[in-house]
């Protein structure tokens, strides 16, 4: 019994520093495709590739990120080379742009 309590107490000491910090706020990033074509982009988080997006017309991509992350979108047929930094908690949408391109707009 004594050994079990000792191990449980030691386990509690190891976990306490990991959970004792300030709570990290998480917010959602969302982008909806309002165009008639499939939009292909790379989602960059803190300058590194996170995922390859292929958003079909009328569909949306969304994910949750911690505050302080730098989000960018690099779209294959985008009006701009890279969109960003993008804000968490804001709903974005792809819209048609001239010359068969797409643009990003905030709702």
PDB file of N, CA and C in Angstrom:
ATOM      1  N   UNK A   1       0.821  -1.190   0.000  1.00  0.00           N
ATOM      2  CA  UNK A   1       0.000   0.000   0.000  1.00  0.00           C
ATOM      3  C   UNK A   1       0.860   1.246   0.000  1.00  0.00           C
ATOM      4  N   UNK A   2       1.886   1.226   0.812  1.00  0.00           N
ATOM      5  CA  UNK A   2       2.759   2.370   0.940  1.00  0.00           C
ATOM      6  C   UNK A   2       3.488   2.683  -0.372  1.00  0.00           C
ATOM      7  N   UNK A   3       3.941   1.664  -1.067  1.00  0.00           N
ATOM      8  CA  UNK A   3       4.643   1.845  -2.340  1.00  0.00           C
ATOM      9  C   UNK A   3       3.692   2.437  -3.378  1.00  0.00           C
ATOM     10  N   UNK A   4       2.466   1.955  -3.411  1.00  0.00           N
ATOM     11  CA  UNK A   4       1.480   2.463  -4.363  1.00  0.00           C
ATOM     12  C   UNK A   4       1.230   3.953  -4.157  1.00  0.00           C
ATOM     13  N   UNK A   5       1.077   4.389  -2.905  1.00  0.00           N
ATOM     14  CA  UNK A   5       0.849   5.805  -2.617  1.00  0.00           C
ATOM     15  C   UNK A   5       2.068   6.635  -2.987  1.00  0.00           C
ATOM     16  N   UNK A   6       3.242   6.102  -2.766  1.00  0.00           N
ATOM     17  CA  UNK A   6       4.473   6.811  -3.113  1.00  0.00           C
ATOM     18  C   UNK A   6       4.591   7.017  -4.618  1.00  0.00           C
ATOM     19  N   UNK A   7       4.252   5.988  -5.386  1.00  0.00           N
ATOM     20  CA  UNK A   7       4.298   6.103  -6.841  1.00  0.00           C
ATOM     21  C   UNK A   7       3.237   7.073  -7.361  1.00  0.00           C
ATOM     22  N   UNK A   8       2.074   7.047  -6.754  1.00  0.00           N
ATOM     23  CA  UNK A   8       1.020   7.977  -7.168  1.00  0.00           C
ATOM     24  C   UNK A   8       1.424   9.416  -6.874  1.00  0.00           C
ATOM     25  N   UNK A   9       2.039   9.645  -5.742  1.00  0.00           N
ATOM     26  CA  UNK A   9       2.496  10.991  -5.396  1.00  0.00           C
ATOM     27  C   UNK A   9       3.595  11.449  -6.348  1.00  0.00           C
ATOM     28  N   UNK A  10       4.508  10.568  -6.684  1.00  0.00           N
ATOM     29  CA  UNK A  10       5.577  10.911  -7.623  1.00  0.00           C
ATOM     30  C   UNK A  10       5.007  11.207  -9.003  1.00  0.00           C
ATOM     31  N   UNK A  11       4.018  10.441  -9.417  1.00  0.00           N
ATOM     32  CA  UNK A  11       3.357  10.697 -10.701  1.00  0.00           C
ATOM     33  C   UNK A  11       2.685  12.050 -10.716  1.00  0.00           C
ATOM     34  N   UNK A  12       2.089  12.432  -9.588  1.00  0.00           N
ATOM     35  CA  UNK A  12       1.452  13.738  -9.486  1.00  0.00           C
ATOM     36  C   UNK A  12       2.460  14.866  -9.594  1.00  0.00           C
ATOM     37  N   UNK A  13       3.659  14.663  -9.082  1.00  0.00           N
ATOM     38  CA  UNK A  13       4.699  15.683  -9.178  1.00  0.00           C
ATOM     39  C   UNK A  13       5.180  15.861 -10.611  1.00  0.00           C
ATOM     40  N   UNK A  14       5.190  14.792 -11.374  1.00  0.00           N
ATOM     41  CA  UNK A  14       5.610  14.888 -12.765  1.00  0.00           C
ATOM     42  C   UNK A  14       4.568  15.570 -13.631  1.00  0.00           C
ATOM     43  N   UNK A  15       3.308  15.381 -13.330  1.00  0.00           N
ATOM     44  CA  UNK A  15       2.237  15.953 -14.136  1.00  0.00           C
ATOM     45  C   UNK A  15       1.993  17.415 -13.783  1.00  0.00           C
ATOM     46  N   UNK A  16       2.182  17.795 -12.553  1.00  0.00           N
ATOM     47  CA  UNK A  16       1.875  19.153 -12.099  1.00  0.00           C
ATOM     48  C   UNK A  16       2.569  20.239 -12.914  1.00  0.00           C
ATOM     49  N   UNK A  17       3.876  20.145 -13.217  1.00  0.00           N
ATOM     50  CA  UNK A  17       4.505  21.217 -13.992  1.00  0.00           C
ATOM     51  C   UNK A  17       3.960  21.320 -15.416  1.00  0.00           C
ATOM     52  N   UNK A  18       3.493  20.229 -15.963  1.00  0.00           N
ATOM     53  CA  UNK A  18       2.983  20.251 -17.331  1.00  0.00           C
ATOM     54  C   UNK A  18       1.623  20.922 -17.420  1.00  0.00           C
ATOM     55  N   UNK A  19       0.804  20.791 -16.399  1.00  0.00           N
ATOM     56  CA  UNK A  19      -0.544  21.340 -16.441  1.00  0.00           C
ATOM     57  C   UNK A  19      -0.686  22.615 -15.631  1.00  0.00           C
ATOM     58  N   UNK A  20       0.348  23.029 -14.925  1.00  0.00           N
ATOM     59  CA  UNK A  20       0.257  24.177 -14.043  1.00  0.00           C
ATOM     60  C   UNK A  20       0.338  25.518 -14.750  1.00  0.00           C
ATOM     61  N   UNK A  21       0.715  25.558 -16.018  1.00  0.00           N
ATOM     62  CA  UNK A  21       0.864  26.821 -16.743  1.00  0.00           C
ATOM     63  C   UNK A  21      -0.472  27.449 -17.078  1.00  0.00           C
ATOM     64  N   UNK A  22      -0.392  28.629 -17.645  1.00  0.00           N
ATOM     65  CA  UNK A  22      -1.603  29.337 -18.051  1.00  0.00           C
ATOM     66  C   UNK A  22      -2.301  28.582 -19.177  1.00  0.00           C
ATOM     67  N   UNK A  23      -3.593  28.643 -19.171  1.00  0.00           N
ATOM     68  CA  UNK A  23      -4.371  27.949 -20.202  1.00  0.00           C
ATOM     69  C   UNK A  23      -4.170  28.630 -21.554  1.00  0.00           C
ATOM     70  N   UNK A  24      -3.927  27.846 -22.583  1.00  0.00           N
ATOM     71  CA  UNK A  24      -3.736  28.371 -23.927  1.00  0.00           C
ATOM     72  C   UNK A  24      -5.096  28.497 -24.599  1.00  0.00           C
ATOM     73  N   UNK A  25      -5.343  29.648 -25.201  1.00  0.00           N
ATOM     74  CA  UNK A  25      -6.614  29.880 -25.890  1.00  0.00           C
ATOM     75  C   UNK A  25      -6.530  29.315 -27.308  1.00  0.00           C
ATOM     76  N   UNK A  26      -7.569  28.606 -27.683  1.00  0.00           N
ATOM     77  CA  UNK A  26      -7.660  28.052 -29.027  1.00  0.00           C
ATOM     78  C   UNK A  26      -8.821  28.714 -29.748  1.00  0.00           C
ATOM     79  N   UNK A  27      -8.608  29.029 -31.037  1.00  0.00           N
ATOM     80  CA  UNK A  27      -9.663  29.632 -31.836  1.00  0.00           C
ATOM     81  C   UNK A  27      -9.700  28.949 -33.194  1.00  0.00           C
ATOM     82  N   UNK A  28     -10.820  29.098 -33.863  1.00  0.00           N
ATOM     83  CA  UNK A  28     -11.020  28.403 -35.127  1.00  0.00           C
ATOM     84  C   UNK A  28     -10.611  29.267 -36.315  1.00  0.00           C
ATOM     85  N   UNK A  29      -9.996  28.616 -37.299  1.00  0.00           N
ATOM     86  CA  UNK A  29      -9.723  29.214 -38.604  1.00  0.00           C
ATOM     87  C   UNK A  29     -10.640  28.518 -39.590  1.00  0.00           C
ATOM     88  N   UNK A  30     -11.343  29.296 -40.427  1.00  0.00           N
ATOM     89  CA  UNK A  30     -12.297  28.719 -41.367  1.00  0.00           C
ATOM     90  C   UNK A  30     -12.230  29.466 -42.691  1.00  0.00           C
ATOM     91  N   UNK A  31     -12.229  28.703 -43.786  1.00  0.00           N
ATOM     92  CA  UNK A  31     -12.285  29.290 -45.125  1.00  0.00           C
ATOM     93  C   UNK A  31     -13.288  28.490 -45.956  1.00  0.00           C
ATOM     94  N   UNK A  32     -14.201  29.211 -46.616  1.00  0.00           N
ATOM     95  CA  UNK A  32     -15.269  28.605 -47.420  1.00  0.00           C
ATOM     96  C   UNK A  32     -15.041  28.946 -48.887  1.00  0.00           C
ATOM     97  N   UNK A  33     -15.325  28.010 -49.763  1.00  0.00           N
ATOM     98  CA  UNK A  33     -15.163  28.237 -51.196  1.00  0.00           C
ATOM     99  C   UNK A  33     -16.485  28.720 -51.797  1.00  0.00           C
ATOM    100  N   UNK A  34     -16.549  30.003 -52.150  1.00  0.00           N
ATOM    101  CA  UNK A  34     -17.728  30.589 -52.797  1.00  0.00           C
ATOM    102  C   UNK A  34     -17.541  30.746 -54.299  1.00  0.00           C
ATOM    103  N   UNK A  35     -16.604  30.017 -54.883  1.00  0.00           N
ATOM    104  CA  UNK A  35     -16.384  30.083 -56.327  1.00  0.00           C
ATOM    105  C   UNK A  35     -16.985  28.844 -56.986  1.00  0.00           C
ATOM    106  N   UNK A  36     -16.915  28.821 -58.303  1.00  0.00           N
ATOM    107  CA  UNK A  36     -17.445  27.683 -59.063  1.00  0.00           C
ATOM    108  C   UNK A  36     -16.358  26.658 -59.385  1.00  0.00           C
ATOM    109  N   UNK A  37     -15.178  26.851 -58.875  1.00  0.00           N
ATOM    110  CA  UNK A  37     -14.064  25.947 -59.173  1.00  0.00           C
ATOM    111  C   UNK A  37     -13.440  25.418 -57.884  1.00  0.00           C
ATOM    112  N   UNK A  38     -12.680  24.351 -57.996  1.00  0.00           N
ATOM    113  CA  UNK A  38     -11.933  23.816 -56.857  1.00  0.00           C
ATOM    114  C   UNK A  38     -10.742  24.731 -56.600  1.00  0.00           C
ATOM    115  N   UNK A  39     -10.545  25.097 -55.346  1.00  0.00           N
ATOM    116  CA  UNK A  39      -9.427  25.967 -54.970  1.00  0.00           C
ATOM    117  C   UNK A  39      -8.383  25.117 -54.255  1.00  0.00           C
ATOM    118  N   UNK A  40      -7.139  25.224 -54.716  1.00  0.00           N
ATOM    119  CA  UNK A  40      -6.040  24.473 -54.133  1.00  0.00           C
ATOM    120  C   UNK A  40      -5.053  25.436 -53.487  1.00  0.00           C
ATOM    121  N   UNK A  41      -4.767  25.208 -52.221  1.00  0.00           N
ATOM    122  CA  UNK A  41      -3.862  26.069 -51.457  1.00  0.00           C
ATOM    123  C   UNK A  41      -3.011  25.235 -50.514  1.00  0.00           C
ATOM    124  N   UNK A  42      -1.963  25.851 -50.035  1.00  0.00           N
ATOM    125  CA  UNK A  42      -1.142  25.281 -48.975  1.00  0.00           C
ATOM    126  C   UNK A  42      -1.347  26.156 -47.746  1.00  0.00           C
ATOM    127  N   UNK A  43      -1.684  25.536 -46.635  1.00  0.00           N
ATOM    128  CA  UNK A  43      -1.842  26.260 -45.377  1.00  0.00           C
ATOM    129  C   UNK A  43      -0.499  26.249 -44.658  1.00  0.00           C
ATOM    130  N   UNK A  44       0.026  27.444 -44.397  1.00  0.00           N
ATOM    131  CA  UNK A  44       1.294  27.599 -43.700  1.00  0.00           C
ATOM    132  C   UNK A  44       1.021  28.032 -42.268  1.00  0.00           C
ATOM    133  N   UNK A  45       1.630  27.374 -41.316  1.00  0.00           N
ATOM    134  CA  UNK A  45       1.517  27.726 -39.901  1.00  0.00           C
ATOM    135  C   UNK A  45       2.928  28.033 -39.414  1.00  0.00           C
ATOM    136  N   UNK A  46       3.122  29.263 -38.985  1.00  0.00           N
ATOM    137  CA  UNK A  46       4.437  29.741 -38.542  1.00  0.00           C
ATOM    138  C   UNK A  46       5.498  29.524 -39.616  1.00  0.00           C
ATOM    139  N   UNK A  47       5.114  29.701 -40.882  1.00  0.00           N
ATOM    140  CA  UNK A  47       6.049  29.600 -41.993  1.00  0.00           C
ATOM    141  C   UNK A  47       6.323  28.198 -42.494  1.00  0.00           C
ATOM    142  N   UNK A  48       5.673  27.197 -41.900  1.00  0.00           N
ATOM    143  CA  UNK A  48       5.880  25.800 -42.308  1.00  0.00           C
ATOM    144  C   UNK A  48       4.589  25.234 -42.878  1.00  0.00           C
ATOM    145  N   UNK A  49       4.722  24.360 -43.859  1.00  0.00           N
ATOM    146  CA  UNK A  49       3.553  23.737 -44.464  1.00  0.00           C
ATOM    147  C   UNK A  49       2.824  22.889 -43.442  1.00  0.00           C
ATOM    148  N   UNK A  50       1.533  23.169 -43.266  1.00  0.00           N
ATOM    149  CA  UNK A  50       0.702  22.387 -42.343  1.00  0.00           C
ATOM    150  C   UNK A  50      -0.082  21.343 -43.115  1.00  0.00           C
ATOM    151  N   UNK A  51      -0.774  21.794 -44.185  1.00  0.00           N
ATOM    152  CA  UNK A  51      -1.591  20.869 -44.962  1.00  0.00           C
ATOM    153  C   UNK A  51      -1.851  21.442 -46.349  1.00  0.00           C
ATOM    154  N   UNK A  52      -2.162  20.545 -47.258  1.00  0.00           N
ATOM    155  CA  UNK A  52      -2.535  20.919 -48.616  1.00  0.00           C
ATOM    156  C   UNK A  52      -4.056  20.917 -48.679  1.00  0.00           C
ATOM    157  N   UNK A  53      -4.637  22.044 -49.065  1.00  0.00           N
ATOM    158  CA  UNK A  53      -6.091  22.165 -49.139  1.00  0.00           C
ATOM    159  C   UNK A  53      -6.572  22.032 -50.571  1.00  0.00           C
ATOM    160  N   UNK A  54      -7.651  21.311 -50.730  1.00  0.00           N
ATOM    161  CA  UNK A  54      -8.339  21.209 -52.013  1.00  0.00           C
ATOM    162  C   UNK A  54      -9.814  21.389 -51.669  1.00  0.00           C
ATOM    163  N   UNK A  55     -10.273  22.655 -51.706  1.00  0.00           N
ATOM    164  CA  UNK A  55     -11.611  22.996 -51.238  1.00  0.00           C
ATOM    165  C   UNK A  55     -12.562  23.049 -52.435  1.00  0.00           C
ATOM    166  N   UNK A  56     -13.555  22.193 -52.434  1.00  0.00           N
ATOM    167  CA  UNK A  56     -14.532  22.124 -53.518  1.00  0.00           C
ATOM    168  C   UNK A  56     -15.566  23.241 -53.371  1.00  0.00           C
ATOM    169  N   UNK A  57     -16.236  23.601 -54.473  1.00  0.00           N
ATOM    170  CA  UNK A  57     -17.248  24.669 -54.414  1.00  0.00           C
ATOM    171  C   UNK A  57     -18.323  24.369 -53.362  1.00  0.00           C
ATOM    172  N   UNK A  58     -18.617  25.380 -52.547  1.00  0.00           N
ATOM    173  CA  UNK A  58     -19.633  25.242 -51.513  1.00  0.00           C
ATOM    174  C   UNK A  58     -19.156  24.554 -50.243  1.00  0.00           C
ATOM    175  N   UNK A  59     -17.947  24.063 -50.217  1.00  0.00           N
ATOM    176  CA  UNK A  59     -17.402  23.374 -49.044  1.00  0.00           C
ATOM    177  C   UNK A  59     -16.489  24.314 -48.264  1.00  0.00           C
ATOM    178  N   UNK A  60     -16.105  23.882 -47.066  1.00  0.00           N
ATOM    179  CA  UNK A  60     -15.253  24.705 -46.208  1.00  0.00           C
ATOM    180  C   UNK A  60     -14.174  23.848 -45.568  1.00  0.00           C
ATOM    181  N   UNK A  61     -13.068  24.496 -45.225  1.00  0.00           N
ATOM    182  CA  UNK A  61     -12.010  23.883 -44.429  1.00  0.00           C
ATOM    183  C   UNK A  61     -11.970  24.645 -43.114  1.00  0.00           C
ATOM    184  N   UNK A  62     -11.871  23.921 -42.008  1.00  0.00           N
ATOM    185  CA  UNK A  62     -11.728  24.582 -40.716  1.00  0.00           C
ATOM    186  C   UNK A  62     -10.887  23.719 -39.798  1.00  0.00           C
ATOM    187  N   UNK A  63     -10.188  24.409 -38.902  1.00  0.00           N
ATOM    188  CA  UNK A  63      -9.345  23.738 -37.922  1.00  0.00           C
ATOM    189  C   UNK A  63      -9.148  24.702 -36.757  1.00  0.00           C
ATOM    190  N   UNK A  64      -8.709  24.171 -35.641  1.00  0.00           N
ATOM    191  CA  UNK A  64      -8.509  24.969 -34.437  1.00  0.00           C
ATOM    192  C   UNK A  64      -7.011  25.119 -34.174  1.00  0.00           C
ATOM    193  N   UNK A  65      -6.599  26.354 -33.855  1.00  0.00           N
ATOM    194  CA  UNK A  65      -5.197  26.655 -33.598  1.00  0.00           C
ATOM    195  C   UNK A  65      -5.077  27.459 -32.309  1.00  0.00           C
ATOM    196  N   UNK A  66      -3.920  27.391 -31.688  1.00  0.00           N
ATOM    197  CA  UNK A  66      -3.679  28.193 -30.490  1.00  0.00           C
ATOM    198  C   UNK A  66      -3.371  29.631 -30.899  1.00  0.00           C
ATOM    199  N   UNK A  67      -3.725  30.549 -30.014  1.00  0.00           N
ATOM    200  CA  UNK A  67      -3.459  31.967 -30.251  1.00  0.00           C
ATOM    201  C   UNK A  67      -1.967  32.191 -30.449  1.00  0.00           C
ATOM    202  N   UNK A  68      -1.626  33.151 -31.267  1.00  0.00           N
ATOM    203  CA  UNK A  68      -0.228  33.483 -31.487  1.00  0.00           C
ATOM    204  C   UNK A  68       0.393  32.783 -32.679  1.00  0.00           C
ATOM    205  N   UNK A  69      -0.331  31.889 -33.307  1.00  0.00           N
ATOM    206  CA  UNK A  69       0.185  31.213 -34.496  1.00  0.00           C
ATOM    207  C   UNK A  69       0.023  32.126 -35.709  1.00  0.00           C
ATOM    208  N   UNK A  70       0.994  32.120 -36.608  1.00  0.00           N
ATOM    209  CA  UNK A  70       0.903  32.894 -37.836  1.00  0.00           C
ATOM    210  C   UNK A  70       0.388  31.983 -38.943  1.00  0.00           C
ATOM    211  N   UNK A  71      -0.803  32.293 -39.461  1.00  0.00           N
ATOM    212  CA  UNK A  71      -1.413  31.495 -40.522  1.00  0.00           C
ATOM    213  C   UNK A  71      -1.343  32.243 -41.847  1.00  0.00           C
ATOM    214  N   UNK A  72      -1.027  31.497 -42.898  1.00  0.00           N
ATOM    215  CA  UNK A  72      -0.980  32.045 -44.246  1.00  0.00           C
ATOM    216  C   UNK A  72      -1.533  31.013 -45.221  1.00  0.00           C
ATOM    217  N   UNK A  73      -2.071  31.504 -46.335  1.00  0.00           N
ATOM    218  CA  UNK A  73      -2.523  30.635 -47.415  1.00  0.00           C
ATOM    219  C   UNK A  73      -1.753  30.989 -48.680  1.00  0.00           C
ATOM    220  N   UNK A  74      -1.166  29.994 -49.320  1.00  0.00           N
ATOM    221  CA  UNK A  74      -0.507  30.158 -50.612  1.00  0.00           C
ATOM    222  C   UNK A  74      -1.335  29.370 -51.616  1.00  0.00           C
ATOM    223  N   UNK A  75      -2.095  30.094 -52.446  1.00  0.00           N
ATOM    224  CA  UNK A  75      -3.030  29.450 -53.375  1.00  0.00           C
ATOM    225  C   UNK A  75      -2.445  29.373 -54.784  1.00  0.00           C
ATOM    226  N   UNK A  76      -2.721  28.255 -55.455  1.00  0.00           N
ATOM    227  CA  UNK A  76      -2.158  28.003 -56.779  1.00  0.00           C
ATOM    228  C   UNK A  76      -2.624  29.021 -57.822  1.00  0.00           C
ATOM    229  N   UNK A  77      -3.888  29.385 -57.794  1.00  0.00           N
ATOM    230  CA  UNK A  77      -4.428  30.358 -58.745  1.00  0.00           C
ATOM    231  C   UNK A  77      -4.884  31.615 -58.008  1.00  0.00           C
ATOM    232  N   UNK A  78      -4.185  31.977 -56.957  1.00  0.00           N
ATOM    233  CA  UNK A  78      -4.552  33.131 -56.154  1.00  0.00           C
ATOM    234  C   UNK A  78      -4.174  34.444 -56.802  1.00  0.00           C
ATOM    235  N   UNK A  79      -4.966  35.454 -56.525  1.00  0.00           N
ATOM    236  CA  UNK A  79      -4.679  36.795 -57.029  1.00  0.00           C
ATOM    237  C   UNK A  79      -3.375  37.309 -56.419  1.00  0.00           C
ATOM    238  N   UNK A  80      -3.124  36.971 -55.171  1.00  0.00           N
ATOM    239  CA  UNK A  80      -1.875  37.296 -54.492  1.00  0.00           C
ATOM    240  C   UNK A  80      -1.066  36.018 -54.321  1.00  0.00           C
ATOM    241  N   UNK A  81       0.233  36.165 -54.150  1.00  0.00           N
ATOM    242  CA  UNK A  81       1.077  34.991 -53.957  1.00  0.00           C
ATOM    243  C   UNK A  81       0.785  34.282 -52.646  1.00  0.00           C
ATOM    244  N   UNK A  82       0.757  35.054 -51.557  1.00  0.00           N
ATOM    245  CA  UNK A  82       0.498  34.500 -50.228  1.00  0.00           C
ATOM    246  C   UNK A  82      -0.452  35.443 -49.511  1.00  0.00           C
ATOM    247  N   UNK A  83      -1.495  34.877 -48.913  1.00  0.00           N
ATOM    248  CA  UNK A  83      -2.442  35.652 -48.110  1.00  0.00           C
ATOM    249  C   UNK A  83      -2.070  35.489 -46.647  1.00  0.00           C
ATOM    250  N   UNK A  84      -1.896  36.602 -45.980  1.00  0.00           N
ATOM    251  CA  UNK A  84      -1.612  36.502 -44.561  1.00  0.00           C
ATOM    252  C   UNK A  84      -0.831  37.689 -44.065  1.00  0.00           C
ATOM    253  N   UNK A  85      -0.632  37.772 -42.780  1.00  0.00           N
ATOM    254  CA  UNK A  85      -1.088  36.819 -41.777  1.00  0.00           C
ATOM    255  C   UNK A  85      -2.600  36.872 -41.601  1.00  0.00           C
ATOM    256  N   UNK A  86      -3.211  35.714 -41.431  1.00  0.00           N
ATOM    257  CA  UNK A  86      -4.656  35.598 -41.279  1.00  0.00           C
ATOM    258  C   UNK A  86      -5.008  35.546 -39.799  1.00  0.00           C
ATOM    259  N   UNK A  87      -6.174  36.066 -39.454  1.00  0.00           N
ATOM    260  CA  UNK A  87      -6.599  36.138 -38.059  1.00  0.00           C
ATOM    261  C   UNK A  87      -7.449  34.933 -37.683  1.00  0.00           C
ATOM    262  N   UNK A  88      -7.223  34.433 -36.492  1.00  0.00           N
ATOM    263  CA  UNK A  88      -8.054  33.349 -35.975  1.00  0.00           C
ATOM    264  C   UNK A  88      -9.397  33.917 -35.542  1.00  0.00           C
ATOM    265  N   UNK A  89     -10.452  33.147 -35.705  1.00  0.00           N
ATOM    266  CA  UNK A  89     -11.787  33.583 -35.317  1.00  0.00           C
ATOM    267  C   UNK A  89     -12.512  34.344 -36.402  1.00  0.00           C
ATOM    268  N   UNK A  90     -11.847  34.645 -37.506  1.00  0.00           N
ATOM    269  CA  UNK A  90     -12.471  35.340 -38.634  1.00  0.00           C
ATOM    270  C   UNK A  90     -12.792  34.307 -39.704  1.00  0.00           C
ATOM    271  N   UNK A  91     -14.013  34.347 -40.236  1.00  0.00           N
ATOM    272  CA  UNK A  91     -14.381  33.441 -41.328  1.00  0.00           C
ATOM    273  C   UNK A  91     -13.956  34.064 -42.654  1.00  0.00           C
ATOM    274  N   UNK A  92     -13.151  33.324 -43.404  1.00  0.00           N
ATOM    275  CA  UNK A  92     -12.691  33.777 -44.712  1.00  0.00           C
ATOM    276  C   UNK A  92     -13.439  33.011 -45.789  1.00  0.00           C
ATOM    277  N   UNK A  93     -13.432  33.572 -46.997  1.00  0.00           N
ATOM    278  CA  UNK A  93     -14.055  32.874 -48.127  1.00  0.00           C
ATOM    279  C   UNK A  93     -13.265  33.161 -49.385  1.00  0.00           C
ATOM    280  N   UNK A  94     -13.230  32.159 -50.251  1.00  0.00           N
ATOM    281  CA  UNK A  94     -12.629  32.330 -51.564  1.00  0.00           C
ATOM    282  C   UNK A  94     -13.677  32.920 -52.486  1.00  0.00           C
ATOM    283  N   UNK A  95     -13.306  33.950 -53.242  1.00  0.00           N
ATOM    284  CA  UNK A  95     -14.208  34.587 -54.200  1.00  0.00           C
ATOM    285  C   UNK A  95     -13.512  34.615 -55.552  1.00  0.00           C
ATOM    286  N   UNK A  96     -14.318  34.698 -56.604  1.00  0.00           N
ATOM    287  CA  UNK A  96     -13.775  34.745 -57.963  1.00  0.00           C
ATOM    288  C   UNK A  96     -13.059  36.075 -58.191  1.00  0.00           C
ATOM    289  N   UNK A  97     -11.959  36.020 -58.913  1.00  0.00           N
ATOM    290  CA  UNK A  97     -11.183  37.207 -59.277  1.00  0.00           C
ATOM    291  C   UNK A  97     -10.996  37.199 -60.789  1.00  0.00           C
ATOM    292  N   UNK A  98     -10.634  38.326 -61.377  1.00  0.00           N
ATOM    293  CA  UNK A  98     -10.443  38.378 -62.828  1.00  0.00           C
ATOM    294  C   UNK A  98      -9.364  37.408 -63.306  1.00  0.00           C
ATOM    295  N   UNK A  99      -9.455  37.047 -64.575  1.00  0.00           N
ATOM    296  CA  UNK A  99      -8.477  36.204 -65.244  1.00  0.00           C
ATOM    297  C   UNK A  99      -8.407  34.793 -64.645  1.00  0.00           C
ATOM    298  N   UNK A 100      -9.582  34.229 -64.318  1.00  0.00           N
ATOM    299  CA  UNK A 100      -9.680  32.848 -63.840  1.00  0.00           C
ATOM    300  C   UNK A 100      -8.869  32.594 -62.568  1.00  0.00           C
ATOM    301  N   UNK A 101      -8.811  33.575 -61.699  1.00  0.00           N
ATOM    302  CA  UNK A 101      -8.091  33.459 -60.439  1.00  0.00           C
ATOM    303  C   UNK A 101      -9.081  33.515 -59.272  1.00  0.00           C
ATOM    304  N   UNK A 102      -8.569  33.308 -58.070  1.00  0.00           N
ATOM    305  CA  UNK A 102      -9.397  33.421 -56.877  1.00  0.00           C
ATOM    306  C   UNK A 102      -8.761  34.447 -55.935  1.00  0.00           C
ATOM    307  N   UNK A 103      -9.591  35.008 -55.073  1.00  0.00           N
ATOM    308  CA  UNK A 103      -9.133  35.964 -54.085  1.00  0.00           C
ATOM    309  C   UNK A 103      -9.687  35.541 -52.735  1.00  0.00           C
ATOM    310  N   UNK A 104      -9.163  36.092 -51.669  1.00  0.00           N
ATOM    311  CA  UNK A 104      -9.600  35.765 -50.320  1.00  0.00           C
ATOM    312  C   UNK A 104     -10.243  36.993 -49.704  1.00  0.00           C
ATOM    313  N   UNK A 105     -11.434  36.809 -49.146  1.00  0.00           N
ATOM    314  CA  UNK A 105     -12.160  37.911 -48.514  1.00  0.00           C
ATOM    315  C   UNK A 105     -12.585  37.476 -47.111  1.00  0.00           C
ATOM    316  N   UNK A 106     -12.623  38.438 -46.183  1.00  0.00           N
ATOM    317  CA  UNK A 106     -13.061  38.177 -44.824  1.00  0.00           C
ATOM    318  C   UNK A 106     -14.543  38.464 -44.719  1.00  0.00           C
ATOM    319  N   UNK A 107     -15.270  37.631 -43.979  1.00  0.00           N
ATOM    320  CA  UNK A 107     -16.707  37.858 -43.781  1.00  0.00           C
ATOM    321  C   UNK A 107     -16.931  38.899 -42.725  1.00  0.00           C
TER     322      UNK A 107
END
